[in-house]
Amino acid sequence: MSIVIITGGSRGLGASTAIQCAARGMGVILTYNSNPDAANAIVAEIEEECGKAVALHLDVADSASFSAFRDQVRDALQTHWHRHDFDALVNNAGYGFYSPIATVTEEEFDGLFRVHLKGPFFLTQTLLPLIADGGHIVNVASATSRVATAGVAPYASFKGGLEVLTRYMAKEFGDRRIRANSIAPGAIKTELGGGLNDEFEALLASQTALGRVGEPDDIGRMIASLLSDDNRWVNAQNIEVAGGYII
């Protein structure tokens, strides 16, 4: 059984990814920051379908906690799967923030940086000894790094940095046959950034070739598919999953 760690797996894209991976027979370790009940509900949903999942606390903004988290992962692997390693890491945890460049504070900038770029960098570094040879890393980037959207400059900049980091991961981890790819979701119906009101959703749908905004399962299914052997020759790529947003 392949085992995947999904950060931010208690809601939205992460929760969908956890459910989709479990449906394909993968063991799941999902993380949460502030809502253990939501995380446990996803674990229960997976277990109801005869899958196996574990929820662990993780604050991606707190890199000093990553060593302790690695120890918890090692214990969970041994306890639930009798293994000392895992197969895939999905760096998904994040949050939305909207403010024009002229009003972004240094504190807001640093918060986004810690979660969207520094966190994935050092979490991957910390967990790398536990990733099995031939494993896979998927970083969740954003279509905002391709299409400039007013009000999301720091978020988009760090997501763009995550795309670059993905290619370097593929390069440096290739000797262990570890693949690294990123996906770039477009507008999705989630709670990120407060969600979408009807007017904004209609605008985004009108700018998308398929005529709608995305659902979490559009992303969860893509990530689960990317982790499968069907895509074992895909490496060092950024794949936009946005229904044809502003093309």
Protein backbone atom coordinates (compact mmCIF):
# COMPACT_ATOMS: atom_id res chain seq x y z
CA MET A 1 0.00 0.00 0.00
CA SER A 2 1.28 3.45 -0.93
CA ILE A 3 1.13 6.04 1.84
CA VAL A 4 0.66 9.75 1.25
CA ILE A 5 1.01 12.74 3.59
CA ILE A 6 -1.31 15.64 2.76
CA THR A 7 -0.84 18.93 4.58
CA GLY A 8 -3.99 20.93 5.17
CA GLY A 9 -6.07 17.82 4.71
CA SER A 10 -8.99 18.72 6.95
CA ARG A 11 -10.93 20.80 4.41
CA GLY A 12 -11.15 21.98 0.83
CA LEU A 13 -8.62 20.69 -1.68
CA GLY A 14 -6.70 18.76 0.95
CA ALA A 15 -9.75 16.91 2.22
CA SER A 16 -10.80 16.01 -1.31
CA THR A 17 -7.27 14.81 -2.07
CA ALA A 18 -7.26 12.65 1.05
CA ILE A 19 -10.58 11.04 0.13
CA GLN A 20 -9.59 10.51 -3.52
CA CYS A 21 -6.23 8.98 -2.59
CA ALA A 22 -7.87 6.65 -0.07
CA ALA A 23 -10.42 5.61 -2.71
CA ARG A 24 -7.48 4.49 -4.86
CA GLY A 25 -6.13 2.31 -2.08
CA MET A 26 -3.56 4.65 -0.56
CA GLY A 27 -2.98 5.04 3.13
CA VAL A 28 -3.38 8.67 4.20
CA ILE A 29 -1.76 10.86 6.83
CA LEU A 30 -3.53 14.21 6.75
CA THR A 31 -2.61 17.26 8.78
CA TYR A 32 -4.66 20.00 10.36
CA ASN A 33 -3.74 23.22 12.12
CA SER A 34 -6.73 24.48 14.12
CA ASN A 35 -9.67 22.13 13.50
CA PRO A 36 -9.12 18.57 14.75
CA ASP A 37 -12.83 17.79 14.51
CA ALA A 38 -12.85 18.47 10.76
CA ALA A 39 -9.73 16.35 10.33
CA ASN A 40 -11.20 13.48 12.34
CA ALA A 41 -14.38 13.69 10.25
CA ILE A 42 -12.32 13.12 7.09
CA VAL A 43 -10.55 10.20 8.76
CA ALA A 44 -13.91 8.72 9.72
CA GLU A 45 -15.24 9.14 6.18
CA ILE A 46 -12.22 7.33 4.79
CA GLU A 47 -12.49 4.53 7.32
CA GLU A 48 -16.21 4.09 6.57
CA GLU A 49 -15.12 3.12 3.05
CA CYS A 50 -12.58 0.64 4.48
CA GLY A 51 -9.61 2.94 3.94
CA LYS A 52 -6.93 3.77 6.46
CA ALA A 53 -6.12 7.33 7.57
CA VAL A 54 -4.51 9.23 10.44
CA ALA A 55 -4.78 12.91 11.35
CA LEU A 56 -1.80 14.75 12.84
CA HIS A 57 -1.45 18.35 13.98
CA LEU A 58 0.92 20.55 11.99
CA ASP A 59 1.42 24.30 11.75
CA VAL A 60 3.19 24.77 8.42
CA ALA A 61 4.14 28.31 9.46
CA ASP A 62 6.19 26.96 12.40
CA SER A 63 9.27 25.34 10.89
CA ALA A 64 10.74 24.79 14.37
CA SER A 65 8.03 22.16 14.94
CA PHE A 66 8.90 20.07 11.88
CA SER A 67 11.36 17.75 13.62
CA ALA A 68 8.76 16.81 16.21
CA PHE A 69 6.23 16.30 13.43
CA ARG A 70 8.66 13.97 11.65
CA ASP A 71 8.85 11.89 14.82
CA GLN A 72 5.03 11.69 14.94
CA VAL A 73 4.98 10.61 11.30
CA ARG A 74 7.54 7.91 12.01
CA ASP A 75 5.44 6.62 14.92
CA ALA A 76 2.24 6.67 12.85
CA LEU A 77 3.88 4.79 10.01
CA GLN A 78 5.09 2.08 12.35
CA THR A 79 1.87 1.83 14.33
CA HIS A 80 -0.64 1.83 11.47
CA TRP A 81 1.29 0.45 8.50
CA HIS A 82 4.34 -1.28 10.00
CA ARG A 83 6.60 0.78 7.76
CA HIS A 84 9.46 3.18 8.31
CA ASP A 85 8.86 5.30 5.20
CA PHE A 86 6.07 6.77 3.06
CA ASP A 87 5.59 7.27 -0.66
CA ALA A 88 4.23 10.73 -1.40
CA LEU A 89 4.09 14.21 0.09
CA VAL A 90 1.44 16.74 -0.97
CA ASN A 91 2.33 20.26 0.17
CA ASN A 92 -1.18 21.72 0.12
CA ALA A 93 -1.71 23.72 3.33
CA GLY A 94 -2.32 27.40 2.75
CA TYR A 95 -4.66 30.34 3.09
CA GLY A 96 -5.93 33.14 0.90
CA PHE A 97 -5.26 36.82 1.39
CA TYR A 98 -6.47 39.78 -0.65
CA SER A 99 -4.90 43.23 -0.42
CA PRO A 100 -3.29 45.55 -2.99
CA ILE A 101 0.48 45.92 -2.89
CA ALA A 102 0.14 49.47 -1.53
CA THR A 103 -1.47 48.25 1.70
CA VAL A 104 0.17 44.88 2.42
CA THR A 105 1.98 44.93 5.75
CA GLU A 106 5.30 43.25 6.43
CA GLU A 107 3.59 40.96 8.94
CA GLU A 108 1.03 39.86 6.33
CA PHE A 109 3.80 39.34 3.77
CA ASP A 110 5.88 37.25 6.18
CA GLY A 111 2.87 35.13 7.17
CA LEU A 112 2.17 34.20 3.56
CA PHE A 113 5.86 33.48 2.97
CA ARG A 114 6.11 31.12 5.94
CA VAL A 115 3.11 29.07 4.87
CA HIS A 116 3.37 29.03 1.08
CA LEU A 117 7.13 28.82 0.43
CA LYS A 118 9.30 28.49 3.52
CA GLY A 119 7.01 25.85 5.02
CA PRO A 120 6.98 23.51 2.01
CA PHE A 121 10.74 23.96 1.57
CA PHE A 122 11.73 22.99 5.10
CA LEU A 123 8.98 20.44 5.66
CA THR A 124 10.11 18.58 2.55
CA GLN A 125 13.71 18.82 3.73
CA THR A 126 12.74 17.46 7.15
CA LEU A 127 10.67 14.57 5.81
CA LEU A 128 13.01 13.68 2.94
CA PRO A 129 14.76 10.85 4.84
CA LEU A 130 11.35 9.19 5.30
CA ILE A 131 10.26 9.43 1.66
CA ALA A 132 10.74 6.10 -0.08
CA ASP A 133 12.99 5.92 -3.13
CA GLY A 134 10.77 6.20 -6.18
CA GLY A 135 8.36 8.43 -4.27
CA HIS A 136 6.61 11.60 -5.33
CA ILE A 137 6.21 15.20 -4.17
CA VAL A 138 3.28 17.34 -5.31
CA ASN A 139 3.28 21.04 -4.48
CA VAL A 140 0.01 22.95 -4.77
CA ALA A 141 0.76 26.21 -6.58
CA SER A 142 -1.79 28.54 -8.19
CA ALA A 143 -2.99 29.86 -11.53
CA THR A 144 -2.46 33.34 -10.06
CA SER A 145 1.24 32.95 -10.84
CA ARG A 146 0.32 32.93 -14.54
CA VAL A 147 -2.58 35.41 -14.59
CA ALA A 148 -2.00 38.59 -12.60
CA THR A 149 -4.97 39.21 -10.33
CA ALA A 150 -5.06 42.46 -8.40
CA GLY A 151 -4.84 41.97 -4.65
CA VAL A 152 -2.94 38.69 -4.47
CA ALA A 153 0.63 39.76 -5.26
CA PRO A 154 2.39 38.21 -2.23
CA TYR A 155 0.37 34.98 -2.43
CA ALA A 156 0.98 34.64 -6.17
CA SER A 157 4.67 35.48 -5.83
CA PHE A 158 5.24 32.72 -3.29
CA LYS A 159 3.21 30.26 -5.34
CA GLY A 160 5.41 31.16 -8.31
CA GLY A 161 8.43 30.47 -6.12
CA LEU A 162 6.94 27.09 -5.26
CA GLU A 163 6.79 26.25 -8.97
CA VAL A 164 10.51 26.99 -9.29
CA LEU A 165 11.28 25.04 -6.13
CA THR A 166 9.42 22.06 -7.60
CA ARG A 167 11.80 21.89 -10.56
CA TYR A 168 14.79 22.02 -8.24
CA MET A 169 13.33 19.23 -6.13
CA ALA A 170 12.96 17.10 -9.26
CA LYS A 171 16.55 17.85 -10.19
CA GLU A 172 18.12 17.23 -6.79
CA PHE A 173 16.02 14.21 -5.77
CA GLY A 174 16.26 12.46 -9.14
CA ASP A 175 19.07 10.20 -8.01
CA ARG A 176 16.55 8.59 -5.65
CA ARG A 177 13.92 8.43 -8.42
CA ILE A 178 11.69 10.83 -6.47
CA ARG A 179 9.44 12.78 -8.81
CA ALA A 180 8.35 16.35 -8.05
CA ASN A 181 5.51 18.17 -9.77
CA SER A 182 3.29 21.11 -8.97
CA ILE A 183 -0.32 21.72 -9.84
CA ALA A 184 -1.86 25.17 -10.28
CA PRO A 185 -5.57 25.29 -9.45
CA GLY A 186 -7.72 28.06 -10.83
CA ALA A 187 -10.72 29.45 -8.96
CA ILE A 188 -12.23 26.72 -6.75
CA LYS A 189 -15.33 26.69 -4.55
CA THR A 190 -13.64 26.47 -1.15
CA GLU A 191 -13.40 28.56 2.01
CA LEU A 192 -9.97 29.88 0.94
CA GLY A 193 -9.89 33.65 1.26
CA GLY A 194 -13.47 33.72 2.50
CA GLY A 195 -14.95 31.83 -0.46
CA LEU A 196 -16.64 33.16 -3.59
CA ASN A 197 -19.77 35.30 -3.66
CA ASP A 198 -22.24 34.77 -6.51
CA GLU A 199 -21.13 37.81 -8.48
CA PHE A 200 -17.43 36.95 -8.32
CA GLU A 201 -18.11 33.31 -9.14
CA ALA A 202 -20.09 34.34 -12.22
CA LEU A 203 -17.21 36.57 -13.35
CA LEU A 204 -14.66 33.81 -12.96
CA ALA A 205 -16.92 31.30 -14.73
CA SER A 206 -17.27 33.70 -17.66
CA GLN A 207 -13.46 33.83 -17.96
CA THR A 208 -13.13 30.02 -17.99
CA ALA A 209 -13.44 28.02 -21.20
CA LEU A 210 -15.54 25.30 -19.55
CA GLY A 211 -17.94 27.89 -18.15
CA ARG A 212 -17.70 27.23 -14.42
CA VAL A 213 -15.36 27.49 -11.47
CA GLY A 214 -13.77 24.37 -10.09
CA GLU A 215 -14.88 22.01 -7.34
CA PRO A 216 -12.49 20.54 -4.76
CA ASP A 217 -12.83 17.11 -6.37
CA ASP A 218 -11.52 18.52 -9.66
CA ILE A 219 -8.23 19.04 -7.86
CA GLY A 220 -8.34 16.04 -5.53
CA ARG A 221 -8.85 13.66 -8.44
CA MET A 222 -6.00 15.27 -10.37
CA ILE A 223 -3.55 14.93 -7.49
CA ALA A 224 -4.56 11.31 -6.82
CA SER A 225 -4.11 10.54 -10.51
CA LEU A 226 -0.73 12.27 -10.60
CA LEU A 227 0.45 10.14 -7.69
CA SER A 228 -0.46 6.93 -9.49
CA ASP A 229 1.80 4.83 -11.70
CA ASP A 230 -0.26 6.02 -14.67
CA ASN A 231 1.77 9.25 -14.46
CA ARG A 232 5.10 7.80 -13.38
CA TRP A 233 6.97 9.54 -16.25
CA VAL A 234 5.62 13.02 -15.43
CA ASN A 235 8.30 14.96 -13.59
CA ALA A 236 9.36 18.58 -12.97
CA GLN A 237 6.10 19.93 -14.40
CA ASN A 238 3.63 22.59 -13.33
CA ILE A 239 0.15 21.47 -14.41
CA GLU A 240 -2.63 24.04 -14.41
CA VAL A 241 -5.97 22.55 -13.39
CA ALA A 242 -8.35 25.41 -14.09
CA GLY A 243 -10.80 24.45 -16.80
CA GLY A 244 -9.15 26.80 -19.28
CA TYR A 245 -8.95 30.00 -17.20
CA ILE A 246 -8.13 33.11 -19.30
CA ILE A 247 -6.60 31.34 -22.28
